[in-house]
PDB file of N, CA and C in Angstrom:
ATOM      1  N   UNK A   1      -0.678  29.845 -25.040  1.00  0.00           N
ATOM      2  CA  UNK A   1      -0.289  28.811 -24.093  1.00  0.00           C
ATOM      3  C   UNK A   1      -0.323  27.454 -24.796  1.00  0.00           C
ATOM      4  N   UNK A   2       0.734  26.683 -24.649  1.00  0.00           N
ATOM      5  CA  UNK A   2       0.845  25.385 -25.290  1.00  0.00           C
ATOM      6  C   UNK A   2       0.060  24.335 -24.511  1.00  0.00           C
ATOM      7  N   UNK A   3      -0.704  23.510 -25.242  1.00  0.00           N
ATOM      8  CA  UNK A   3      -1.492  22.446 -24.626  1.00  0.00           C
ATOM      9  C   UNK A   3      -0.583  21.265 -24.304  1.00  0.00           C
ATOM     10  N   UNK A   4      -0.669  20.757 -23.092  1.00  0.00           N
ATOM     11  CA  UNK A   4       0.142  19.617 -22.669  1.00  0.00           C
ATOM     12  C   UNK A   4      -0.452  18.330 -23.232  1.00  0.00           C
ATOM     13  N   UNK A   5       0.381  17.531 -23.869  1.00  0.00           N
ATOM     14  CA  UNK A   5      -0.044  16.233 -24.377  1.00  0.00           C
ATOM     15  C   UNK A   5       0.114  15.203 -23.254  1.00  0.00           C
ATOM     16  N   UNK A   6      -0.971  14.570 -22.894  1.00  0.00           N
ATOM     17  CA  UNK A   6      -0.967  13.594 -21.815  1.00  0.00           C
ATOM     18  C   UNK A   6      -0.745  12.206 -22.403  1.00  0.00           C
ATOM     19  N   UNK A   7       0.177  11.467 -21.816  1.00  0.00           N
ATOM     20  CA  UNK A   7       0.477  10.099 -22.234  1.00  0.00           C
ATOM     21  C   UNK A   7      -0.257   9.112 -21.326  1.00  0.00           C
ATOM     22  N   UNK A   8      -0.597   7.960 -21.881  1.00  0.00           N
ATOM     23  CA  UNK A   8      -1.307   6.919 -21.135  1.00  0.00           C
ATOM     24  C   UNK A   8      -0.529   6.531 -19.877  1.00  0.00           C
ATOM     25  N   UNK A   9       0.782   6.400 -19.976  1.00  0.00           N
ATOM     26  CA  UNK A   9       1.602   6.023 -18.827  1.00  0.00           C
ATOM     27  C   UNK A   9       1.548   7.029 -17.693  1.00  0.00           C
ATOM     28  N   UNK A  10       1.465   8.303 -18.035  1.00  0.00           N
ATOM     29  CA  UNK A  10       1.350   9.350 -17.014  1.00  0.00           C
ATOM     30  C   UNK A  10       0.055   9.187 -16.223  1.00  0.00           C
ATOM     31  N   UNK A  11      -1.023   8.937 -16.949  1.00  0.00           N
ATOM     32  CA  UNK A  11      -2.327   8.784 -16.304  1.00  0.00           C
ATOM     33  C   UNK A  11      -2.327   7.567 -15.394  1.00  0.00           C
ATOM     34  N   UNK A  12      -1.716   6.482 -15.838  1.00  0.00           N
ATOM     35  CA  UNK A  12      -1.647   5.259 -15.022  1.00  0.00           C
ATOM     36  C   UNK A  12      -0.969   5.535 -13.683  1.00  0.00           C
ATOM     37  N   UNK A  13       0.161   6.205 -13.721  1.00  0.00           N
ATOM     38  CA  UNK A  13       0.904   6.517 -12.488  1.00  0.00           C
ATOM     39  C   UNK A  13       0.089   7.426 -11.563  1.00  0.00           C
ATOM     40  N   UNK A  14      -0.504   8.450 -12.137  1.00  0.00           N
ATOM     41  CA  UNK A  14      -1.283   9.407 -11.346  1.00  0.00           C
ATOM     42  C   UNK A  14      -2.514   8.746 -10.742  1.00  0.00           C
ATOM     43  N   UNK A  15      -3.165   7.868 -11.485  1.00  0.00           N
ATOM     44  CA  UNK A  15      -4.332   7.166 -10.943  1.00  0.00           C
ATOM     45  C   UNK A  15      -3.955   6.369  -9.703  1.00  0.00           C
ATOM     46  N   UNK A  16      -2.893   5.597  -9.809  1.00  0.00           N
ATOM     47  CA  UNK A  16      -2.462   4.779  -8.679  1.00  0.00           C
ATOM     48  C   UNK A  16      -2.224   5.646  -7.437  1.00  0.00           C
ATOM     49  N   UNK A  17      -1.633   6.798  -7.632  1.00  0.00           N
ATOM     50  CA  UNK A  17      -1.342   7.709  -6.523  1.00  0.00           C
ATOM     51  C   UNK A  17      -2.587   8.451  -6.022  1.00  0.00           C
ATOM     52  N   UNK A  18      -3.643   8.491  -6.830  1.00  0.00           N
ATOM     53  CA  UNK A  18      -4.844   9.255  -6.497  1.00  0.00           C
ATOM     54  C   UNK A  18      -5.948   8.427  -5.854  1.00  0.00           C
ATOM     55  N   UNK A  19      -5.946   7.126  -6.082  1.00  0.00           N
ATOM     56  CA  UNK A  19      -6.996   6.293  -5.504  1.00  0.00           C
ATOM     57  C   UNK A  19      -6.949   6.339  -3.987  1.00  0.00           C
ATOM     58  N   UNK A  20      -8.130   6.338  -3.386  1.00  0.00           N
ATOM     59  CA  UNK A  20      -8.235   6.354  -1.927  1.00  0.00           C
ATOM     60  C   UNK A  20      -9.666   5.974  -1.545  1.00  0.00           C
ATOM     61  N   UNK A  21      -9.962   6.051  -0.269  1.00  0.00           N
ATOM     62  CA  UNK A  21     -11.335   5.812   0.187  1.00  0.00           C
ATOM     63  C   UNK A  21     -12.302   6.840  -0.377  1.00  0.00           C
ATOM     64  N   UNK A  22     -11.781   8.009  -0.763  1.00  0.00           N
ATOM     65  CA  UNK A  22     -12.641   9.043  -1.341  1.00  0.00           C
ATOM     66  C   UNK A  22     -13.053   8.713  -2.774  1.00  0.00           C
ATOM     67  N   UNK A  23     -12.308   7.838  -3.447  1.00  0.00           N
ATOM     68  CA  UNK A  23     -12.675   7.469  -4.816  1.00  0.00           C
ATOM     69  C   UNK A  23     -13.353   6.099  -4.887  1.00  0.00           C
ATOM     70  N   UNK A  24     -13.230   5.296  -3.847  1.00  0.00           N
ATOM     71  CA  UNK A  24     -13.963   4.026  -3.747  1.00  0.00           C
ATOM     72  C   UNK A  24     -14.007   3.573  -2.295  1.00  0.00           C
ATOM     73  N   UNK A  25     -15.177   3.230  -1.844  1.00  0.00           N
ATOM     74  CA  UNK A  25     -15.312   2.750  -0.460  1.00  0.00           C
ATOM     75  C   UNK A  25     -14.701   1.367  -0.274  1.00  0.00           C
ATOM     76  N   UNK A  26     -14.306   0.705  -1.361  1.00  0.00           N
ATOM     77  CA  UNK A  26     -13.656  -0.605  -1.281  1.00  0.00           C
ATOM     78  C   UNK A  26     -12.137  -0.522  -1.279  1.00  0.00           C
ATOM     79  N   UNK A  27     -11.591   0.682  -1.433  1.00  0.00           N
ATOM     80  CA  UNK A  27     -10.142   0.875  -1.458  1.00  0.00           C
ATOM     81  C   UNK A  27      -9.507   0.350  -0.173  1.00  0.00           C
ATOM     82  N   UNK A  28      -8.305  -0.204  -0.294  1.00  0.00           N
ATOM     83  CA  UNK A  28      -7.502  -0.564   0.874  1.00  0.00           C
ATOM     84  C   UNK A  28      -6.034  -0.420   0.497  1.00  0.00           C
ATOM     85  N   UNK A  29      -5.191  -0.293   1.496  1.00  0.00           N
ATOM     86  CA  UNK A  29      -3.751  -0.208   1.253  1.00  0.00           C
ATOM     87  C   UNK A  29      -3.248  -1.439   0.516  1.00  0.00           C
ATOM     88  N   UNK A  30      -3.800  -2.590   0.882  1.00  0.00           N
ATOM     89  CA  UNK A  30      -3.378  -3.856   0.276  1.00  0.00           C
ATOM     90  C   UNK A  30      -3.895  -4.043  -1.149  1.00  0.00           C
ATOM     91  N   UNK A  31      -4.985  -3.366  -1.485  1.00  0.00           N
ATOM     92  CA  UNK A  31      -5.572  -3.500  -2.816  1.00  0.00           C
ATOM     93  C   UNK A  31      -6.163  -2.144  -3.242  1.00  0.00           C
ATOM     94  N   UNK A  32      -5.303  -1.185  -3.606  1.00  0.00           N
ATOM     95  CA  UNK A  32      -5.792   0.160  -3.918  1.00  0.00           C
ATOM     96  C   UNK A  32      -6.695   0.231  -5.148  1.00  0.00           C
ATOM     97  N   UNK A  33      -6.644  -0.729  -6.052  1.00  0.00           N
ATOM     98  CA  UNK A  33      -7.491  -0.711  -7.251  1.00  0.00           C
ATOM     99  C   UNK A  33      -8.894  -1.242  -6.981  1.00  0.00           C
ATOM    100  N   UNK A  34      -9.110  -1.849  -5.828  1.00  0.00           N
ATOM    101  CA  UNK A  34     -10.396  -2.486  -5.505  1.00  0.00           C
ATOM    102  C   UNK A  34     -11.540  -1.474  -5.577  1.00  0.00           C
ATOM    103  N   UNK A  35     -12.521  -1.782  -6.407  1.00  0.00           N
ATOM    104  CA  UNK A  35     -13.704  -0.935  -6.527  1.00  0.00           C
ATOM    105  C   UNK A  35     -13.501   0.339  -7.332  1.00  0.00           C
ATOM    106  N   UNK A  36     -12.370   0.473  -7.995  1.00  0.00           N
ATOM    107  CA  UNK A  36     -12.051   1.707  -8.715  1.00  0.00           C
ATOM    108  C   UNK A  36     -12.380   1.640 -10.206  1.00  0.00           C
ATOM    109  N   UNK A  37     -12.888   0.515 -10.719  1.00  0.00           N
ATOM    110  CA  UNK A  37     -12.970   0.361 -12.178  1.00  0.00           C
ATOM    111  C   UNK A  37     -13.917   1.349 -12.846  1.00  0.00           C
ATOM    112  N   UNK A  38     -15.115   1.521 -12.338  1.00  0.00           N
ATOM    113  CA  UNK A  38     -16.065   2.433 -12.977  1.00  0.00           C
ATOM    114  C   UNK A  38     -15.594   3.867 -12.970  1.00  0.00           C
ATOM    115  N   UNK A  39     -15.203   4.340 -11.817  1.00  0.00           N
ATOM    116  CA  UNK A  39     -14.753   5.726 -11.689  1.00  0.00           C
ATOM    117  C   UNK A  39     -13.479   5.964 -12.498  1.00  0.00           C
ATOM    118  N   UNK A  40     -12.585   4.988 -12.507  1.00  0.00           N
ATOM    119  CA  UNK A  40     -11.345   5.117 -13.265  1.00  0.00           C
ATOM    120  C   UNK A  40     -11.630   5.153 -14.766  1.00  0.00           C
ATOM    121  N   UNK A  41     -12.505   4.289 -15.255  1.00  0.00           N
ATOM    122  CA  UNK A  41     -12.842   4.279 -16.681  1.00  0.00           C
ATOM    123  C   UNK A  41     -13.424   5.622 -17.115  1.00  0.00           C
ATOM    124  N   UNK A  42     -14.239   6.221 -16.269  1.00  0.00           N
ATOM    125  CA  UNK A  42     -14.822   7.523 -16.585  1.00  0.00           C
ATOM    126  C   UNK A  42     -13.756   8.613 -16.665  1.00  0.00           C
ATOM    127  N   UNK A  43     -12.881   8.656 -15.681  1.00  0.00           N
ATOM    128  CA  UNK A  43     -11.838   9.693 -15.642  1.00  0.00           C
ATOM    129  C   UNK A  43     -10.851   9.502 -16.790  1.00  0.00           C
ATOM    130  N   UNK A  44     -10.476   8.270 -17.073  1.00  0.00           N
ATOM    131  CA  UNK A  44      -9.559   8.014 -18.197  1.00  0.00           C
ATOM    132  C   UNK A  44     -10.207   8.463 -19.503  1.00  0.00           C
ATOM    133  N   UNK A  45     -11.482   8.172 -19.695  1.00  0.00           N
ATOM    134  CA  UNK A  45     -12.153   8.618 -20.920  1.00  0.00           C
ATOM    135  C   UNK A  45     -12.201  10.141 -20.997  1.00  0.00           C
ATOM    136  N   UNK A  46     -12.438  10.806 -19.878  1.00  0.00           N
ATOM    137  CA  UNK A  46     -12.443  12.268 -19.864  1.00  0.00           C
ATOM    138  C   UNK A  46     -11.112  12.841 -20.344  1.00  0.00           C
ATOM    139  N   UNK A  47     -10.034  12.220 -19.948  1.00  0.00           N
ATOM    140  CA  UNK A  47      -8.693  12.755 -20.226  1.00  0.00           C
ATOM    141  C   UNK A  47      -8.140  12.275 -21.561  1.00  0.00           C
ATOM    142  N   UNK A  48      -8.326  10.999 -21.877  1.00  0.00           N
ATOM    143  CA  UNK A  48      -7.685  10.413 -23.057  1.00  0.00           C
ATOM    144  C   UNK A  48      -8.644  10.044 -24.182  1.00  0.00           C
ATOM    145  N   UNK A  49      -9.949  10.130 -23.921  1.00  0.00           N
ATOM    146  CA  UNK A  49     -10.923   9.763 -24.941  1.00  0.00           C
ATOM    147  C   UNK A  49     -11.105   8.261 -25.015  1.00  0.00           C
ATOM    148  N   UNK A  50     -11.480   7.785 -26.185  1.00  0.00           N
ATOM    149  CA  UNK A  50     -11.683   6.359 -26.374  1.00  0.00           C
ATOM    150  C   UNK A  50     -13.054   5.899 -25.907  1.00  0.00           C
ATOM    151  N   UNK A  51     -13.173   4.597 -25.734  1.00  0.00           N
ATOM    152  CA  UNK A  51     -14.436   3.981 -25.343  1.00  0.00           C
ATOM    153  C   UNK A  51     -14.308   3.340 -23.965  1.00  0.00           C
ATOM    154  N   UNK A  52     -15.447   3.193 -23.320  1.00  0.00           N
ATOM    155  CA  UNK A  52     -15.517   2.401 -22.096  1.00  0.00           C
ATOM    156  C   UNK A  52     -16.038   1.031 -22.505  1.00  0.00           C
ATOM    157  N   UNK A  53     -15.343  -0.002 -22.061  1.00  0.00           N
ATOM    158  CA  UNK A  53     -15.745  -1.383 -22.332  1.00  0.00           C
ATOM    159  C   UNK A  53     -16.020  -2.078 -20.995  1.00  0.00           C
ATOM    160  N   UNK A  54     -16.631  -3.261 -21.072  1.00  0.00           N
ATOM    161  CA  UNK A  54     -16.952  -3.998 -19.856  1.00  0.00           C
ATOM    162  C   UNK A  54     -16.861  -5.487 -20.105  1.00  0.00           C
ATOM    163  N   UNK A  55     -16.655  -6.220 -19.011  1.00  0.00           N
ATOM    164  CA  UNK A  55     -16.636  -7.676 -19.006  1.00  0.00           C
ATOM    165  C   UNK A  55     -17.335  -8.126 -17.732  1.00  0.00           C
ATOM    166  N   UNK A  56     -18.191  -9.124 -17.854  1.00  0.00           N
ATOM    167  CA  UNK A  56     -18.914  -9.659 -16.694  1.00  0.00           C
ATOM    168  C   UNK A  56     -17.988 -10.576 -15.901  1.00  0.00           C
ATOM    169  N   UNK A  57     -17.887 -10.309 -14.606  1.00  0.00           N
ATOM    170  CA  UNK A  57     -17.109 -11.137 -13.684  1.00  0.00           C
ATOM    171  C   UNK A  57     -18.056 -11.682 -12.618  1.00  0.00           C
ATOM    172  N   UNK A  58     -17.626 -12.638 -11.812  1.00  0.00           N
ATOM    173  CA  UNK A  58     -18.518 -13.211 -10.799  1.00  0.00           C
ATOM    174  C   UNK A  58     -19.179 -12.181  -9.874  1.00  0.00           C
ATOM    175  N   UNK A  59     -18.474 -11.101  -9.562  1.00  0.00           N
ATOM    176  CA  UNK A  59     -19.032 -10.083  -8.654  1.00  0.00           C
ATOM    177  C   UNK A  59     -19.757  -8.951  -9.368  1.00  0.00           C
ATOM    178  N   UNK A  60     -19.851  -8.997 -10.687  1.00  0.00           N
ATOM    179  CA  UNK A  60     -20.538  -7.943 -11.443  1.00  0.00           C
ATOM    180  C   UNK A  60     -19.716  -7.477 -12.628  1.00  0.00           C
ATOM    181  N   UNK A  61     -20.088  -6.343 -13.179  1.00  0.00           N
ATOM    182  CA  UNK A  61     -19.401  -5.797 -14.345  1.00  0.00           C
ATOM    183  C   UNK A  61     -18.078  -5.176 -13.960  1.00  0.00           C
ATOM    184  N   UNK A  62     -17.097  -5.363 -14.828  1.00  0.00           N
ATOM    185  CA  UNK A  62     -15.778  -4.736 -14.676  1.00  0.00           C
ATOM    186  C   UNK A  62     -15.591  -3.800 -15.865  1.00  0.00           C
ATOM    187  N   UNK A  63     -15.260  -2.528 -15.580  1.00  0.00           N
ATOM    188  CA  UNK A  63     -15.127  -1.497 -16.610  1.00  0.00           C
ATOM    189  C   UNK A  63     -13.672  -1.129 -16.840  1.00  0.00           C
ATOM    190  N   UNK A  64     -13.365  -0.755 -18.086  1.00  0.00           N
ATOM    191  CA  UNK A  64     -12.003  -0.371 -18.472  1.00  0.00           C
ATOM    192  C   UNK A  64     -12.098   0.414 -19.776  1.00  0.00           C
ATOM    193  N   UNK A  65     -10.980   0.780 -20.349  1.00  0.00           N
ATOM    194  CA  UNK A  65     -10.977   1.661 -21.514  1.00  0.00           C
ATOM    195  C   UNK A  65     -10.366   1.003 -22.747  1.00  0.00           C
ATOM    196  N   UNK A  66     -10.846   1.435 -23.905  1.00  0.00           N
ATOM    197  CA  UNK A  66     -10.259   1.116 -25.204  1.00  0.00           C
ATOM    198  C   UNK A  66      -9.858   2.446 -25.822  1.00  0.00           C
ATOM    199  N   UNK A  67      -8.559   2.613 -26.063  1.00  0.00           N
ATOM    200  CA  UNK A  67      -8.035   3.840 -26.631  1.00  0.00           C
ATOM    201  C   UNK A  67      -7.162   3.456 -27.816  1.00  0.00           C
ATOM    202  N   UNK A  68      -7.437   4.029 -28.967  1.00  0.00           N
ATOM    203  CA  UNK A  68      -6.681   3.707 -30.182  1.00  0.00           C
ATOM    204  C   UNK A  68      -6.605   2.201 -30.422  1.00  0.00           C
ATOM    205  N   UNK A  69      -7.727   1.524 -30.280  1.00  0.00           N
ATOM    206  CA  UNK A  69      -7.860   0.081 -30.536  1.00  0.00           C
ATOM    207  C   UNK A  69      -7.056  -0.797 -29.575  1.00  0.00           C
ATOM    208  N   UNK A  70      -6.685  -0.238 -28.423  1.00  0.00           N
ATOM    209  CA  UNK A  70      -5.957  -1.008 -27.404  1.00  0.00           C
ATOM    210  C   UNK A  70      -6.716  -0.973 -26.086  1.00  0.00           C
ATOM    211  N   UNK A  71      -6.741  -2.115 -25.407  1.00  0.00           N
ATOM    212  CA  UNK A  71      -7.374  -2.209 -24.089  1.00  0.00           C
ATOM    213  C   UNK A  71      -6.434  -1.605 -23.051  1.00  0.00           C
ATOM    214  N   UNK A  72      -7.001  -0.767 -22.191  1.00  0.00           N
ATOM    215  CA  UNK A  72      -6.263  -0.184 -21.075  1.00  0.00           C
ATOM    216  C   UNK A  72      -7.090  -0.434 -19.814  1.00  0.00           C
ATOM    217  N   UNK A  73      -6.660  -1.407 -19.044  1.00  0.00           N
ATOM    218  CA  UNK A  73      -7.369  -1.765 -17.819  1.00  0.00           C
ATOM    219  C   UNK A  73      -6.466  -1.431 -16.644  1.00  0.00           C
ATOM    220  N   UNK A  74      -6.673  -0.289 -16.061  1.00  0.00           N
ATOM    221  CA  UNK A  74      -5.831   0.206 -14.972  1.00  0.00           C
ATOM    222  C   UNK A  74      -6.117  -0.470 -13.641  1.00  0.00           C
ATOM    223  N   UNK A  75      -7.236  -1.190 -13.541  1.00  0.00           N
ATOM    224  CA  UNK A  75      -7.615  -1.773 -12.253  1.00  0.00           C
ATOM    225  C   UNK A  75      -7.640  -3.302 -12.262  1.00  0.00           C
ATOM    226  N   UNK A  76      -7.137  -3.931 -13.319  1.00  0.00           N
ATOM    227  CA  UNK A  76      -7.198  -5.395 -13.449  1.00  0.00           C
ATOM    228  C   UNK A  76      -6.518  -6.117 -12.302  1.00  0.00           C
ATOM    229  N   UNK A  77      -5.452  -5.538 -11.763  1.00  0.00           N
ATOM    230  CA  UNK A  77      -4.694  -6.258 -10.737  1.00  0.00           C
ATOM    231  C   UNK A  77      -5.429  -6.374  -9.404  1.00  0.00           C
ATOM    232  N   UNK A  78      -6.615  -5.778  -9.286  1.00  0.00           N
ATOM    233  CA  UNK A  78      -7.395  -5.949  -8.060  1.00  0.00           C
ATOM    234  C   UNK A  78      -7.910  -7.386  -7.927  1.00  0.00           C
ATOM    235  N   UNK A  79      -7.931  -8.117  -9.053  1.00  0.00           N
ATOM    236  CA  UNK A  79      -8.467  -9.475  -9.067  1.00  0.00           C
ATOM    237  C   UNK A  79      -7.345 -10.498  -9.003  1.00  0.00           C
ATOM    238  N   UNK A  80      -7.601 -11.600  -8.318  1.00  0.00           N
ATOM    239  CA  UNK A  80      -6.612 -12.675  -8.224  1.00  0.00           C
ATOM    240  C   UNK A  80      -6.590 -13.512  -9.495  1.00  0.00           C
ATOM    241  N   UNK A  81      -7.756 -13.662 -10.126  1.00  0.00           N
ATOM    242  CA  UNK A  81      -7.841 -14.479 -11.332  1.00  0.00           C
ATOM    243  C   UNK A  81      -7.569 -13.631 -12.577  1.00  0.00           C
ATOM    244  N   UNK A  82      -7.154 -14.309 -13.640  1.00  0.00           N
ATOM    245  CA  UNK A  82      -6.936 -13.646 -14.923  1.00  0.00           C
ATOM    246  C   UNK A  82      -8.302 -13.363 -15.538  1.00  0.00           C
ATOM    247  N   UNK A  83      -8.468 -12.181 -16.084  1.00  0.00           N
ATOM    248  CA  UNK A  83      -9.745 -11.781 -16.666  1.00  0.00           C
ATOM    249  C   UNK A  83      -9.853 -12.313 -18.105  1.00  0.00           C
ATOM    250  N   UNK A  84     -10.955 -12.973 -18.389  1.00  0.00           N
ATOM    251  CA  UNK A  84     -11.266 -13.396 -19.757  1.00  0.00           C
ATOM    252  C   UNK A  84     -12.116 -12.277 -20.368  1.00  0.00           C
ATOM    253  N   UNK A  85     -11.449 -11.326 -20.972  1.00  0.00           N
ATOM    254  CA  UNK A  85     -12.119 -10.124 -21.468  1.00  0.00           C
ATOM    255  C   UNK A  85     -13.115 -10.432 -22.581  1.00  0.00           C
ATOM    256  N   UNK A  86     -14.283  -9.806 -22.488  1.00  0.00           N
ATOM    257  CA  UNK A  86     -15.305  -9.872 -23.535  1.00  0.00           C
ATOM    258  C   UNK A  86     -15.319  -8.580 -24.347  1.00  0.00           C
ATOM    259  N   UNK A  87     -14.796  -7.508 -23.788  1.00  0.00           N
ATOM    260  CA  UNK A  87     -14.688  -6.215 -24.471  1.00  0.00           C
ATOM    261  C   UNK A  87     -16.017  -5.715 -25.028  1.00  0.00           C
ATOM    262  N   UNK A  88     -17.071  -5.852 -24.232  1.00  0.00           N
ATOM    263  CA  UNK A  88     -18.385  -5.363 -24.636  1.00  0.00           C
ATOM    264  C   UNK A  88     -18.429  -3.847 -24.525  1.00  0.00           C
ATOM    265  N   UNK A  89     -18.983  -3.202 -25.530  1.00  0.00           N
ATOM    266  CA  UNK A  89     -19.107  -1.747 -25.503  1.00  0.00           C
ATOM    267  C   UNK A  89     -20.019  -1.346 -24.354  1.00  0.00           C
ATOM    268  N   UNK A  90     -19.600  -0.362 -23.581  1.00  0.00           N
ATOM    269  CA  UNK A  90     -20.378   0.119 -22.455  1.00  0.00           C
ATOM    270  C   UNK A  90     -20.676   1.599 -22.650  1.00  0.00           C
ATOM    271  N   UNK A  91     -21.302   2.186 -21.649  1.00  0.00           N
ATOM    272  CA  UNK A  91     -21.640   3.608 -21.693  1.00  0.00           C
ATOM    273  C   UNK A  91     -21.155   4.285 -20.420  1.00  0.00           C
ATOM    274  N   UNK A  92     -21.105   5.595 -20.448  1.00  0.00           N
ATOM    275  CA  UNK A  92     -20.752   6.349 -19.249  1.00  0.00           C
ATOM    276  C   UNK A  92     -21.789   6.093 -18.152  1.00  0.00           C
ATOM    277  N   UNK A  93     -23.037   5.965 -18.544  1.00  0.00           N
ATOM    278  CA  UNK A  93     -24.106   5.734 -17.560  1.00  0.00           C
ATOM    279  C   UNK A  93     -23.893   4.416 -16.821  1.00  0.00           C
ATOM    280  N   UNK A  94     -23.527   3.365 -17.558  1.00  0.00           N
ATOM    281  CA  UNK A  94     -23.279   2.073 -16.914  1.00  0.00           C
ATOM    282  C   UNK A  94     -22.076   2.151 -15.979  1.00  0.00           C
ATOM    283  N   UNK A  95     -21.010   2.778 -16.422  1.00  0.00           N
ATOM    284  CA  UNK A  95     -19.820   2.908 -15.574  1.00  0.00           C
ATOM    285  C   UNK A  95     -20.125   3.776 -14.358  1.00  0.00           C
ATOM    286  N   UNK A  96     -20.939   4.804 -14.556  1.00  0.00           N
ATOM    287  CA  UNK A  96     -21.275   5.693 -13.438  1.00  0.00           C
ATOM    288  C   UNK A  96     -22.113   4.970 -12.384  1.00  0.00           C
ATOM    289  N   UNK A  97     -22.862   3.958 -12.790  1.00  0.00           N
ATOM    290  CA  UNK A  97     -23.655   3.176 -11.829  1.00  0.00           C
ATOM    291  C   UNK A  97     -22.759   2.426 -10.852  1.00  0.00           C
ATOM    292  N   UNK A  98     -21.475   2.303 -11.179  1.00  0.00           N
ATOM    293  CA  UNK A  98     -20.498   1.624 -10.333  1.00  0.00           C
ATOM    294  C   UNK A  98     -19.836   2.580  -9.338  1.00  0.00           C
ATOM    295  N   UNK A  99     -20.201   3.852  -9.370  1.00  0.00           N
ATOM    296  CA  UNK A  99     -19.569   4.866  -8.525  1.00  0.00           C
ATOM    297  C   UNK A  99     -20.636   5.867  -8.097  1.00  0.00           C
ATOM    298  N   UNK A 100     -20.223   7.059  -7.701  1.00  0.00           N
ATOM    299  CA  UNK A 100     -21.174   8.132  -7.410  1.00  0.00           C
ATOM    300  C   UNK A 100     -20.516   9.471  -7.736  1.00  0.00           C
ATOM    301  N   UNK A 101     -21.294  10.530  -7.704  1.00  0.00           N
ATOM    302  CA  UNK A 101     -20.793  11.842  -8.120  1.00  0.00           C
ATOM    303  C   UNK A 101     -19.620  12.308  -7.268  1.00  0.00           C
ATOM    304  N   UNK A 102     -19.678  12.083  -5.970  1.00  0.00           N
ATOM    305  CA  UNK A 102     -18.607  12.537  -5.080  1.00  0.00           C
ATOM    306  C   UNK A 102     -17.289  11.834  -5.404  1.00  0.00           C
ATOM    307  N   UNK A 103     -17.340  10.524  -5.603  1.00  0.00           N
ATOM    308  CA  UNK A 103     -16.131   9.766  -5.922  1.00  0.00           C
ATOM    309  C   UNK A 103     -15.569  10.182  -7.273  1.00  0.00           C
ATOM    310  N   UNK A 104     -16.448  10.371  -8.242  1.00  0.00           N
ATOM    311  CA  UNK A 104     -16.023  10.772  -9.586  1.00  0.00           C
ATOM    312  C   UNK A 104     -15.366  12.159  -9.567  1.00  0.00           C
ATOM    313  N   UNK A 105     -16.008  13.108  -8.946  1.00  0.00           N
ATOM    314  CA  UNK A 105     -15.456  14.470  -8.880  1.00  0.00           C
ATOM    315  C   UNK A 105     -14.129  14.466  -8.133  1.00  0.00           C
ATOM    316  N   UNK A 106     -14.070  13.748  -7.028  1.00  0.00           N
ATOM    317  CA  UNK A 106     -12.822  13.678  -6.260  1.00  0.00           C
ATOM    318  C   UNK A 106     -11.682  13.146  -7.118  1.00  0.00           C
ATOM    319  N   UNK A 107     -11.902  11.989  -7.757  1.00  0.00           N
ATOM    320  CA  UNK A 107     -10.816  11.369  -8.531  1.00  0.00           C
ATOM    321  C   UNK A 107     -10.428  12.232  -9.726  1.00  0.00           C
ATOM    322  N   UNK A 108     -11.403  12.756 -10.426  1.00  0.00           N
ATOM    323  CA  UNK A 108     -11.087  13.574 -11.600  1.00  0.00           C
ATOM    324  C   UNK A 108     -10.270  14.800 -11.200  1.00  0.00           C
ATOM    325  N   UNK A 109     -10.675  15.492 -10.148  1.00  0.00           N
ATOM    326  CA  UNK A 109      -9.930  16.677  -9.703  1.00  0.00           C
ATOM    327  C   UNK A 109      -8.523  16.314  -9.259  1.00  0.00           C
ATOM    328  N   UNK A 110      -8.391  15.249  -8.508  1.00  0.00           N
ATOM    329  CA  UNK A 110      -7.081  14.830  -8.021  1.00  0.00           C
ATOM    330  C   UNK A 110      -6.141  14.482  -9.184  1.00  0.00           C
ATOM    331  N   UNK A 111      -6.651  13.760 -10.169  1.00  0.00           N
ATOM    332  CA  UNK A 111      -5.860  13.371 -11.329  1.00  0.00           C
ATOM    333  C   UNK A 111      -5.478  14.603 -12.155  1.00  0.00           C
ATOM    334  N   UNK A 112      -6.430  15.486 -12.419  1.00  0.00           N
ATOM    335  CA  UNK A 112      -6.139  16.676 -13.220  1.00  0.00           C
ATOM    336  C   UNK A 112      -5.122  17.578 -12.541  1.00  0.00           C
ATOM    337  N   UNK A 113      -5.234  17.750 -11.247  1.00  0.00           N
ATOM    338  CA  UNK A 113      -4.255  18.573 -10.511  1.00  0.00           C
ATOM    339  C   UNK A 113      -2.869  17.950 -10.619  1.00  0.00           C
ATOM    340  N   UNK A 114      -2.779  16.640 -10.459  1.00  0.00           N
ATOM    341  CA  UNK A 114      -1.481  15.971 -10.535  1.00  0.00           C
ATOM    342  C   UNK A 114      -0.884  16.056 -11.946  1.00  0.00           C
ATOM    343  N   UNK A 115      -1.714  15.965 -12.963  1.00  0.00           N
ATOM    344  CA  UNK A 115      -1.212  15.995 -14.346  1.00  0.00           C
ATOM    345  C   UNK A 115      -0.803  17.394 -14.788  1.00  0.00           C
ATOM    346  N   UNK A 116      -1.483  18.409 -14.297  1.00  0.00           N
ATOM    347  CA  UNK A 116      -1.269  19.757 -14.825  1.00  0.00           C
ATOM    348  C   UNK A 116      -0.611  20.722 -13.854  1.00  0.00           C
ATOM    349  N   UNK A 117      -0.123  20.227 -12.733  1.00  0.00           N
ATOM    350  CA  UNK A 117       0.551  21.155 -11.809  1.00  0.00           C
ATOM    351  C   UNK A 117       2.052  20.950 -11.823  1.00  0.00           C
TER     352      UNK A 117
END
């Protein structure tokens, strides 16, 4: 069986379609990326590898991914202001503190089903 190569753009589209109240209690129709940064960074790392990075914002830490020396922030548009990225190395534990097991499992399963079905 041939292994499917997943592209960053595919994951971006699937994430947007997968976010919901089940992946973040801050989700809304008007701002679907709201509260999704930690859980999204974890799922993206699971699928595409790379590092989880963080930047301190007024409301707390914002998490995103570094893959092949490029920043990939799938949830940046939840903020009205432009992010002044610090690109501090983070850990899965820190990103997981921004979510919970139920939200993580839900989003990961939803994304994997969409990518591989």
